[in-house]
């Protein structure tokens, strides 16, 4: 349906006042570091100050010329000392000339209001001398500004649905509807749906799929019905009620996620120890034609990006991540992450960037990998402390071999000396020594005198042999007794 009414200028609604102190909020790079134009996200609270980042890549010579815009609407412009502040931004925006000459073209936006939330574009005007072309416009950066009101108590919801299904994005009016109801749903500065009484407007790409029924709206139910979901519908939706031409009240924020059950995006767990290397699996389902383009991310933070031979390594991952080009051409888009740290533990997502014939790009998620990083085992740490790397095993082995050799040498020496002594004894035997002992009463069988009444004392001869053992010789009829020899003094 064609839009049947004219919306008033976003800045004619006035500027909300606030008593909050100034708070400078810096942005962060979030997507596509390989593109010439960085895309940034900045957020701030109502009444605070936001700095929309911008940096010139070349030295400023001559008169500096910078411009900031929202779509075709000028927010701020500077040509040397001369400046222009757009409608609704008077007294709130500036790019200081001294900073601009240093190459810093950041826009300072003070006293934020909810209506300041939008996509801001910065551009540099370069003078040209060729023929009739006098100037050239060079885009520098894009900044997504969101403005929050901590006192608004805007409820935030999370809604999910499958491709092709219908999602209902919650919204409820806090005040009674009187007169003509006016509701709008948008994603950043893009209008998704708008209703003023019976008249409606459906944003580009949402035609025939979105609605807030008028009878429900009059009851206070401003929920958005979104039919036939697609993966591109996943976004953060904001609903707002227009009270008058000068007041817009935000009602709710809904984060919509859309799942495709047929996409079969694999979710894989991977673990590794600190200092080791992890391989995060990824496999392309279709043949690689043309220049391969793959991205690995953690949420909106780019970890690694490859477009053909060109690569980008995210902050903190320099020199540690790669998807080898030759592997990527084979369909293997696995990320190699070296020298793991505890901070590497996260959910990693891989994407393939596909360019269609009409020039439009499509981002297709390939895989999700849950990486966990653990400390080394206690035994491994203690072993590393006790045994120096590259030396411990060799030294221990050498000591063991030396000890065995020493024991063998001692045994051989003892056996040699013993054998040599035996040979000498055989060649030069010592004469037997005979000792005469007095008559001794012995009892070799440990019998009592009563059992052997006829036994009498015998003359005992003790003869020693060369080997040091002694034997006792008795007269005929006596019993042989072999005591251990004891040399006399």
Protein backbone atom coordinates (compact mmCIF):
# COMPACT_ATOMS: atom_id res chain seq x y z
CA UNK A 1 0.00 0.00 0.00
CA UNK A 2 1.32 3.42 -0.85
CA UNK A 3 2.00 5.76 2.01
CA UNK A 4 -1.08 8.00 2.31
CA UNK A 5 0.28 10.69 4.59
CA UNK A 6 3.34 12.85 5.09
CA UNK A 7 5.45 12.32 8.14
CA UNK A 8 6.71 15.43 9.86
CA UNK A 9 10.40 16.13 10.10
CA UNK A 10 12.12 14.16 12.83
CA UNK A 11 13.65 17.36 14.18
CA UNK A 12 10.46 19.40 14.23
CA UNK A 13 9.32 17.30 17.19
CA UNK A 14 11.61 19.25 19.45
CA UNK A 15 14.53 18.47 21.65
CA UNK A 16 13.95 16.73 24.96
CA UNK A 17 15.70 18.36 27.91
CA UNK A 18 17.66 16.38 30.47
CA UNK A 19 19.54 17.03 33.69
CA UNK A 20 22.05 14.23 33.13
CA UNK A 21 25.70 15.12 33.17
CA UNK A 22 27.73 14.93 29.99
CA UNK A 23 29.12 11.50 29.23
CA UNK A 24 31.35 10.97 26.22
CA UNK A 25 30.71 7.61 24.58
CA UNK A 26 33.21 6.21 22.12
CA UNK A 27 32.37 3.78 19.32
CA UNK A 28 33.97 0.53 18.26
CA UNK A 29 34.63 -0.97 14.86
CA UNK A 30 32.13 -3.76 14.30
CA UNK A 31 32.10 -4.99 10.71
CA UNK A 32 34.03 -5.37 7.48
CA UNK A 33 37.52 -4.07 8.22
CA UNK A 34 38.50 -4.81 4.61
CA UNK A 35 36.09 -2.22 3.22
CA UNK A 36 37.35 1.30 2.70
CA UNK A 37 34.58 2.72 4.88
CA UNK A 38 34.62 1.59 8.54
CA UNK A 39 31.21 1.01 10.14
CA UNK A 40 30.96 1.99 13.79
CA UNK A 41 28.45 1.62 16.61
CA UNK A 42 28.02 4.31 19.26
CA UNK A 43 25.52 4.44 22.11
CA UNK A 44 24.68 7.01 24.73
CA UNK A 45 22.06 8.07 27.26
CA UNK A 46 19.59 10.90 26.93
CA UNK A 47 21.29 14.18 27.88
CA UNK A 48 24.85 12.88 27.47
CA UNK A 49 27.43 13.63 24.76
CA UNK A 50 28.38 11.18 22.01
CA UNK A 51 31.51 11.27 19.87
CA UNK A 52 30.92 9.87 16.37
CA UNK A 53 34.36 8.65 15.30
CA UNK A 54 35.96 9.73 12.07
CA UNK A 55 39.60 9.81 10.98
CA UNK A 56 41.15 11.18 7.79
CA UNK A 57 43.58 8.87 6.05
CA UNK A 58 45.51 11.65 4.31
CA UNK A 59 47.10 14.85 5.56
CA UNK A 60 44.91 17.95 5.64
CA UNK A 61 46.21 20.58 3.24
CA UNK A 62 44.50 23.82 2.35
CA UNK A 63 41.01 24.52 3.63
CA UNK A 64 39.53 21.51 5.48
CA UNK A 65 36.05 20.52 4.30
CA UNK A 66 33.97 17.98 6.22
CA UNK A 67 30.28 17.10 6.23
CA UNK A 68 28.09 14.84 8.40
CA UNK A 69 24.68 13.66 7.14
CA UNK A 70 21.68 11.46 7.91
CA UNK A 71 20.54 10.13 4.54
CA UNK A 72 20.24 13.36 2.52
CA UNK A 73 19.82 15.63 5.56
CA UNK A 74 22.86 17.68 6.62
CA UNK A 75 23.69 17.47 10.32
CA UNK A 76 26.93 19.47 10.33
CA UNK A 77 29.26 21.01 7.77
CA UNK A 78 32.60 22.82 8.08
CA UNK A 79 34.57 24.68 5.40
CA UNK A 80 37.58 26.14 7.14
CA UNK A 81 36.21 28.46 9.82
CA UNK A 82 32.69 28.50 8.41
CA UNK A 83 30.19 25.99 9.80
CA UNK A 84 26.59 24.95 9.31
CA UNK A 85 24.44 23.12 11.89
CA UNK A 86 21.38 21.25 10.64
CA UNK A 87 17.82 21.79 11.81
CA UNK A 88 17.36 20.39 15.31
CA UNK A 89 21.14 20.26 15.88
CA UNK A 90 21.76 23.97 16.44
CA UNK A 91 24.22 24.49 19.30
CA UNK A 92 24.72 20.75 19.78
CA UNK A 93 27.13 19.61 17.04
CA UNK A 94 30.70 20.49 16.08
CA UNK A 95 33.91 19.23 14.49
CA UNK A 96 36.56 21.53 16.04
CA UNK A 97 38.76 23.11 13.37
CA UNK A 98 42.01 22.44 15.26
CA UNK A 99 41.11 18.73 15.55
CA UNK A 100 40.11 18.56 11.90
CA UNK A 101 43.51 19.90 10.82
CA UNK A 102 45.09 17.04 12.83
CA UNK A 103 43.04 14.54 10.86
CA UNK A 104 40.37 14.01 13.52
CA UNK A 105 36.97 14.59 11.89
CA UNK A 106 34.90 13.10 14.76
CA UNK A 107 31.51 14.73 15.30
CA UNK A 108 30.73 15.85 18.86
CA UNK A 109 26.96 15.59 19.49
CA UNK A 110 25.78 17.01 22.81
CA UNK A 111 22.56 16.72 24.82
CA UNK A 112 21.41 13.51 23.16
CA UNK A 113 17.70 12.90 22.56
CA UNK A 114 15.92 9.70 21.50
CA UNK A 115 15.33 11.23 18.05
CA UNK A 116 19.10 11.47 17.51
CA UNK A 117 19.25 7.69 17.03
CA UNK A 118 20.14 7.16 13.36
CA UNK A 119 22.88 6.22 10.90
CA UNK A 120 25.34 9.08 10.43
CA UNK A 121 27.65 9.41 7.41
CA UNK A 122 30.83 11.46 7.28
CA UNK A 123 32.39 12.61 4.03
CA UNK A 124 35.34 14.70 2.91
CA UNK A 125 35.10 17.12 0.01
CA UNK A 126 38.29 17.07 -2.09
CA UNK A 127 39.03 19.79 -4.61
CA UNK A 128 39.73 18.62 -8.16
CA UNK A 129 41.30 20.42 -11.10
CA UNK A 130 40.48 18.11 -14.04
CA UNK A 131 38.25 19.79 -16.64
CA UNK A 132 34.78 20.62 -15.30
CA UNK A 133 34.94 18.42 -12.22
CA UNK A 134 35.87 20.74 -9.38
CA UNK A 135 35.19 18.66 -6.30
CA UNK A 136 35.03 15.00 -5.31
CA UNK A 137 33.10 13.56 -2.40
CA UNK A 138 34.91 10.81 -0.45
CA UNK A 139 33.00 8.88 2.22
CA UNK A 140 34.99 8.34 5.43
CA UNK A 141 32.84 6.48 7.99
CA UNK A 142 29.34 5.34 8.97
CA UNK A 143 28.20 5.50 12.57
CA UNK A 144 25.15 3.77 14.04
CA UNK A 145 24.01 5.90 17.00
CA UNK A 146 21.59 4.52 19.58
CA UNK A 147 20.21 6.63 22.43
CA UNK A 148 18.89 5.15 25.66
CA UNK A 149 16.78 6.74 28.37
CA UNK A 150 17.47 5.04 31.75
CA UNK A 151 14.28 6.55 33.20
CA UNK A 152 11.99 5.47 30.40
CA UNK A 153 11.77 1.88 31.69
CA UNK A 154 11.32 0.60 28.15
CA UNK A 155 10.74 -3.16 28.30
CA UNK A 156 13.05 -5.32 26.20
CA UNK A 157 11.91 -8.63 24.75
CA UNK A 158 13.50 -11.50 22.87
CA UNK A 159 11.45 -13.27 20.22
CA UNK A 160 12.52 -16.13 17.96
CA UNK A 161 10.90 -17.92 15.05
CA UNK A 162 11.59 -20.22 12.14
CA UNK A 163 11.83 -19.24 8.51
CA UNK A 164 8.32 -19.01 7.01
CA UNK A 165 6.53 -18.71 10.37
CA UNK A 166 4.80 -15.70 11.97
CA UNK A 167 6.27 -13.71 14.87
CA UNK A 168 4.44 -11.33 17.21
CA UNK A 169 6.65 -8.54 18.56
CA UNK A 170 5.19 -7.46 21.95
CA UNK A 171 4.10 -3.89 22.55
CA UNK A 172 1.59 -2.41 25.01
CA UNK A 173 0.50 1.18 25.44
CA UNK A 174 0.69 2.55 28.97
CA UNK A 175 -1.94 5.24 28.44
CA UNK A 176 -5.43 5.14 27.06
CA UNK A 177 -5.81 5.67 23.32
CA UNK A 178 -7.75 8.82 22.57
CA UNK A 179 -8.25 10.32 19.18
CA UNK A 180 -6.38 8.91 16.22
CA UNK A 181 -3.93 6.16 17.24
CA UNK A 182 -0.40 6.65 15.90
CA UNK A 183 2.20 3.87 16.12
CA UNK A 184 5.49 3.19 14.38
CA UNK A 185 7.94 0.26 14.30
CA UNK A 186 11.46 0.75 13.02
CA UNK A 187 14.98 -0.72 12.86
CA UNK A 188 17.39 2.11 13.59
CA UNK A 189 16.31 4.81 11.11
CA UNK A 190 14.46 2.38 8.80
CA UNK A 191 10.68 2.33 9.14
CA UNK A 192 9.17 -1.17 9.18
CA UNK A 193 5.53 -0.27 9.80
CA UNK A 194 3.52 2.84 10.63
CA UNK A 195 -0.17 3.38 11.34
CA UNK A 196 -2.12 6.61 11.71
CA UNK A 197 -5.71 5.66 12.22
CA UNK A 198 -6.74 3.67 9.17
CA UNK A 199 -3.76 4.70 7.09
CA UNK A 200 -0.70 2.46 7.11
CA UNK A 201 2.80 2.31 5.67
CA UNK A 202 4.83 -0.88 5.19
CA UNK A 203 8.59 -0.54 4.79
CA UNK A 204 10.58 -1.84 1.84
CA UNK A 205 10.88 -5.62 2.04
CA UNK A 206 7.97 -5.85 4.49
CA UNK A 207 5.09 -5.22 2.07
CA UNK A 208 2.15 -7.52 2.78
CA UNK A 209 3.89 -9.08 5.79
CA UNK A 210 3.50 -6.60 8.69
CA UNK A 211 0.56 -5.07 10.53
CA UNK A 212 -0.69 -3.64 13.80
CA UNK A 213 -4.48 -4.17 13.54
CA UNK A 214 -6.39 -0.96 14.23
CA UNK A 215 -8.94 -2.62 16.56
CA UNK A 216 -6.08 -4.07 18.65
CA UNK A 217 -4.27 -0.74 18.70
CA UNK A 218 -7.37 1.02 20.09
CA UNK A 219 -7.36 -1.55 22.92
CA UNK A 220 -3.79 -0.61 23.75
CA UNK A 221 -2.17 -3.60 22.00
CA UNK A 222 0.47 -2.24 19.62
CA UNK A 223 2.20 -5.58 18.94
CA UNK A 224 3.61 -6.00 15.46
CA UNK A 225 2.57 -9.09 13.52
CA UNK A 226 5.37 -10.14 11.15
CA UNK A 227 4.50 -12.98 8.75
CA UNK A 228 6.57 -15.27 6.53
CA UNK A 229 9.83 -14.74 8.41
CA UNK A 230 13.15 -14.68 6.56
CA UNK A 231 16.68 -14.81 7.95
CA UNK A 232 17.15 -11.13 7.02
CA UNK A 233 14.31 -10.18 9.40
CA UNK A 234 16.56 -10.88 12.40
CA UNK A 235 17.22 -7.48 14.02
CA UNK A 236 16.38 -5.18 16.96
CA UNK A 237 12.94 -3.64 16.49
CA UNK A 238 11.82 -0.47 18.28
CA UNK A 239 8.21 0.60 18.73
CA UNK A 240 7.18 4.16 19.42
CA UNK A 241 3.95 6.08 19.92
CA UNK A 242 3.46 9.51 18.40
CA UNK A 243 1.44 11.65 20.83
CA UNK A 244 1.72 14.96 19.05
CA UNK A 245 3.76 16.48 16.28
CA UNK A 246 6.48 17.28 18.83
CA UNK A 247 6.60 14.22 21.10
CA UNK A 248 7.61 10.64 20.35
CA UNK A 249 7.54 8.06 23.17
CA UNK A 250 9.42 4.79 22.82
CA UNK A 251 7.34 1.81 24.00
CA UNK A 252 9.31 -1.40 23.61
CA UNK A 253 12.41 -3.00 22.12
CA UNK A 254 12.31 -6.48 20.65
CA UNK A 255 15.27 -8.58 19.60
CA UNK A 256 14.10 -10.94 16.88
CA UNK A 257 16.12 -14.01 15.90
CA UNK A 258 15.16 -16.19 12.95
CA UNK A 259 16.28 -19.79 12.61
CA UNK A 260 16.32 -21.87 9.48
CA UNK A 261 15.82 -25.57 10.34
CA UNK A 262 16.99 -26.49 6.85
CA UNK A 263 20.22 -24.56 7.08
CA UNK A 264 21.67 -27.19 9.43
CA UNK A 265 24.35 -24.90 10.79
CA UNK A 266 26.60 -27.31 12.75
CA UNK A 267 27.43 -26.45 16.35
CA UNK A 268 30.71 -27.99 17.46
CA UNK A 269 32.59 -27.99 20.79
CA UNK A 270 36.38 -27.58 20.69
CA UNK A 271 38.73 -27.47 23.69
CA UNK A 272 42.43 -26.85 24.13
CA UNK A 273 45.09 -26.06 26.70
CA UNK A 274 46.71 -22.67 27.25
CA UNK A 275 49.55 -22.24 24.76
CA UNK A 276 48.34 -24.96 22.38
CA UNK A 277 46.76 -24.67 18.90
CA UNK A 278 43.05 -25.20 18.20
CA UNK A 279 41.40 -25.87 14.84
CA UNK A 280 37.82 -24.57 14.63
CA UNK A 281 36.02 -26.75 12.04
CA UNK A 282 34.29 -25.19 9.04
CA UNK A 283 33.35 -26.70 5.70
CA UNK A 284 31.76 -25.03 2.67
CA UNK A 285 28.75 -26.88 1.30
CA UNK A 286 29.09 -25.53 -2.22
CA UNK A 287 32.00 -25.36 -4.63
CA UNK A 288 34.26 -22.33 -4.37
CA UNK A 289 34.09 -20.23 -7.51
CA UNK A 290 35.71 -16.87 -7.99
CA UNK A 291 37.35 -15.12 -5.06
CA UNK A 292 36.68 -16.95 -1.77
CA UNK A 293 35.41 -14.69 1.00
CA UNK A 294 35.08 -16.02 4.57
CA UNK A 295 34.74 -14.30 7.97
CA UNK A 296 35.10 -15.61 11.54
CA UNK A 297 33.44 -13.55 14.29
CA UNK A 298 32.66 -13.43 18.00
CA UNK A 299 29.31 -11.63 18.10
CA UNK A 300 30.00 -8.45 16.07
CA UNK A 301 33.78 -8.58 16.59
CA UNK A 302 35.76 -9.80 13.59
CA UNK A 303 38.43 -12.37 14.49
CA UNK A 304 39.67 -13.20 10.98
CA UNK A 305 38.67 -12.32 7.45
CA UNK A 306 39.97 -13.52 4.11
CA UNK A 307 39.01 -12.25 0.67
CA UNK A 308 41.24 -14.02 -1.82
CA UNK A 309 44.80 -13.15 -0.84
CA UNK A 310 43.78 -10.24 1.38
CA UNK A 311 43.42 -11.00 5.10
CA UNK A 312 42.52 -9.20 8.29
CA UNK A 313 43.35 -10.37 11.82
CA UNK A 314 41.28 -8.90 14.63
CA UNK A 315 42.67 -7.03 17.60
CA UNK A 316 44.36 -9.48 19.97
CA UNK A 317 44.57 -12.17 17.29
CA UNK A 318 47.43 -10.71 15.23
CA UNK A 319 49.83 -13.43 14.12
CA UNK A 320 47.72 -16.19 15.70
CA UNK A 321 44.83 -16.85 13.29
CA UNK A 322 44.55 -17.99 9.69
CA UNK A 323 42.41 -19.78 7.12
CA UNK A 324 45.00 -20.85 4.52
CA UNK A 325 43.96 -19.77 1.04
CA UNK A 326 44.80 -23.13 -0.57
CA UNK A 327 42.60 -24.90 2.02
CA UNK A 328 39.78 -22.42 1.48
CA UNK A 329 39.80 -23.13 -2.26
CA UNK A 330 39.32 -26.82 -1.37
CA UNK A 331 36.24 -25.93 0.69
CA UNK A 332 38.00 -26.11 4.07
CA UNK A 333 37.30 -22.86 5.91
CA UNK A 334 38.54 -24.08 9.33
CA UNK A 335 40.16 -21.42 11.51
CA UNK A 336 43.60 -22.21 12.93
CA UNK A 337 44.05 -20.42 16.28
CA UNK A 338 47.53 -20.66 17.81
CA UNK A 339 48.93 -19.96 21.29
CA UNK A 340 45.59 -20.20 23.10
CA UNK A 341 44.81 -17.93 26.05
CA UNK A 342 41.95 -17.96 28.57
CA UNK A 343 40.36 -14.96 26.84
CA UNK A 344 40.03 -16.94 23.60
CA UNK A 345 37.19 -19.01 25.11
CA UNK A 346 34.01 -17.93 23.28
CA UNK A 347 31.45 -18.88 20.63
CA UNK A 348 32.97 -18.44 17.17
CA UNK A 349 30.80 -18.12 14.03
CA UNK A 350 31.97 -18.51 10.46
CA UNK A 351 30.29 -16.82 7.49
CA UNK A 352 30.58 -16.93 3.73
CA UNK A 353 30.03 -13.70 1.81
CA UNK A 354 28.30 -14.36 -1.51
CA UNK A 355 27.86 -11.71 -4.18
CA UNK A 356 24.76 -12.10 -6.34
CA UNK A 357 24.50 -11.19 -10.00
CA UNK A 358 22.72 -7.92 -9.21
CA UNK A 359 25.67 -6.83 -7.07
CA UNK A 360 23.91 -7.43 -3.74
CA UNK A 361 25.91 -9.36 -1.15
CA UNK A 362 24.52 -12.17 0.96
CA UNK A 363 26.02 -13.38 4.23
CA UNK A 364 25.54 -17.08 4.94
CA UNK A 365 26.42 -18.57 8.33
CA UNK A 366 28.42 -21.80 8.01
CA UNK A 367 29.26 -23.06 11.49
CA UNK A 368 29.35 -22.24 15.20
CA UNK A 369 32.18 -23.43 17.39
CA UNK A 370 32.17 -23.37 21.20
CA UNK A 371 35.82 -23.03 22.22
CA UNK A 372 36.91 -23.74 25.80
CA UNK A 373 40.47 -23.18 27.02
CA UNK A 374 41.86 -25.11 29.99
CA UNK A 375 45.00 -24.91 32.08
CA UNK A 376 47.67 -27.60 31.61
CA UNK A 377 47.45 -30.67 33.84
CA UNK A 378 49.19 -30.37 37.22
CA UNK A 379 51.54 -33.22 36.35
CA UNK A 380 52.60 -31.50 33.13
CA UNK A 381 53.30 -28.22 34.91
CA UNK A 382 55.39 -29.93 37.62
CA UNK A 383 57.31 -31.95 35.03
CA UNK A 384 58.15 -28.78 33.12
CA UNK A 385 59.43 -27.15 36.30
CA UNK A 386 61.59 -30.12 37.43
CA UNK A 387 63.02 -31.17 34.06
CA UNK A 388 64.46 -28.46 31.81
CA UNK A 389 63.04 -28.65 28.30
CA UNK A 390 65.34 -30.45 25.82
CA UNK A 391 67.80 -31.62 28.51
CA UNK A 392 65.98 -33.56 31.24
CA UNK A 393 65.32 -36.81 29.39
CA UNK A 394 68.84 -37.13 27.96
CA UNK A 395 70.54 -36.36 31.28
CA UNK A 396 68.45 -38.88 33.23
CA UNK A 397 69.15 -41.59 30.63
CA UNK A 398 72.89 -40.88 30.70
CA UNK A 399 73.05 -41.09 34.52
CA UNK A 400 71.19 -44.41 34.50
CA UNK A 401 73.56 -45.95 31.93
CA UNK A 402 76.63 -44.79 33.87
CA UNK A 403 75.23 -46.31 37.09
CA UNK A 404 74.63 -49.69 35.42
CA UNK A 405 78.13 -49.72 33.91
CA UNK A 406 79.67 -48.91 37.31
CA UNK A 407 77.81 -51.78 39.02
CA UNK A 408 78.87 -54.23 36.30
CA UNK A 409 82.50 -53.08 36.62
CA UNK A 410 82.48 -53.68 40.40
CA UNK A 411 81.00 -57.16 39.98
CA UNK A 412 83.59 -58.10 37.34
CA UNK A 413 86.42 -56.83 39.55
CA UNK A 414 85.23 -58.86 42.55
CA UNK A 415 84.86 -62.05 40.51
CA UNK A 416 88.30 -61.55 38.95
CA UNK A 417 90.00 -61.17 42.34
CA UNK A 418 88.17 -64.19 43.75
CA UNK A 419 89.14 -66.39 40.77
CA UNK A 420 92.76 -65.26 40.94
CA UNK A 421 92.97 -66.11 44.68
CA UNK A 422 91.57 -69.60 44.08
CA UNK A 423 94.23 -70.27 41.45
CA UNK A 424 96.98 -69.13 43.83
CA UNK A 425 95.65 -71.40 46.61
CA UNK A 426 95.66 -74.38 44.26
CA UNK A 427 99.29 -73.79 43.25
CA UNK A 428 100.62 -73.15 46.81
CA UNK A 429 98.43 -74.93 49.37
CA UNK A 430 99.14 -74.19 53.04
CA UNK A 431 100.08 -77.16 55.34
CA UNK A 432 97.32 -78.26 57.64
CA UNK A 433 97.37 -76.93 61.16
CA UNK A 434 96.68 -79.34 63.94
CA UNK A 435 95.75 -78.21 67.38
CA UNK A 436 95.67 -80.43 70.41
CA UNK A 437 92.81 -79.85 72.74
CA UNK A 438 92.46 -81.34 76.17
CA UNK A 439 90.07 -84.19 76.77
CA UNK A 440 86.67 -82.82 76.06
CA UNK A 441 83.33 -84.32 76.78
CA UNK A 442 81.14 -83.74 73.72
CA UNK A 443 77.64 -84.76 72.93
CA UNK A 444 77.22 -84.53 69.10
CA UNK A 445 73.72 -86.01 69.14
CA UNK A 446 72.55 -83.69 71.93
CA UNK A 447 71.76 -86.72 74.03
CA UNK A 448 71.78 -86.78 77.76
CA UNK A 449 74.42 -88.73 79.76
CA UNK A 450 71.78 -91.18 80.83
CA UNK A 451 71.19 -92.29 77.23
CA UNK A 452 74.98 -92.88 76.62
CA UNK A 453 76.36 -94.23 79.87
CA UNK A 454 79.41 -95.84 78.20
CA UNK A 455 80.60 -92.63 76.49
CA UNK A 456 83.90 -91.35 77.83
CA UNK A 457 86.08 -88.37 77.00
CA UNK A 458 88.04 -88.83 73.79
CA UNK A 459 91.19 -87.18 72.53
CA UNK A 460 89.98 -84.49 70.04
CA UNK A 461 92.09 -83.51 67.04
CA UNK A 462 91.12 -80.26 65.16
CA UNK A 463 92.48 -80.10 61.66
CA UNK A 464 92.14 -76.97 59.53
CA UNK A 465 92.20 -77.04 55.78
CA UNK A 466 93.59 -74.29 53.51
CA UNK A 467 90.14 -73.03 52.70
CA UNK A 468 89.73 -72.00 56.34
CA UNK A 469 87.17 -74.68 57.35
CA UNK A 470 87.90 -77.02 60.27
CA UNK A 471 86.97 -80.63 60.96
CA UNK A 472 87.11 -82.69 64.15
CA UNK A 473 88.73 -86.17 63.97
CA UNK A 474 88.04 -88.68 66.79
CA UNK A 475 89.42 -92.09 67.51
CA UNK A 476 87.74 -95.11 66.06
CA UNK A 477 84.14 -95.43 67.12
CA UNK A 478 83.75 -91.71 67.83
CA UNK A 479 81.18 -89.49 66.14
CA UNK A 480 82.38 -86.84 63.65
CA UNK A 481 81.60 -83.27 64.63
CA UNK A 482 82.19 -80.24 62.37
CA UNK A 483 82.30 -76.99 64.32
CA UNK A 484 83.08 -73.62 62.77
CA UNK A 485 86.75 -72.86 63.04
CA UNK A 486 88.02 -70.14 65.33
CA UNK A 487 91.64 -69.13 64.96
CA UNK A 488 93.60 -69.01 68.22
CA UNK A 489 95.31 -65.85 69.27
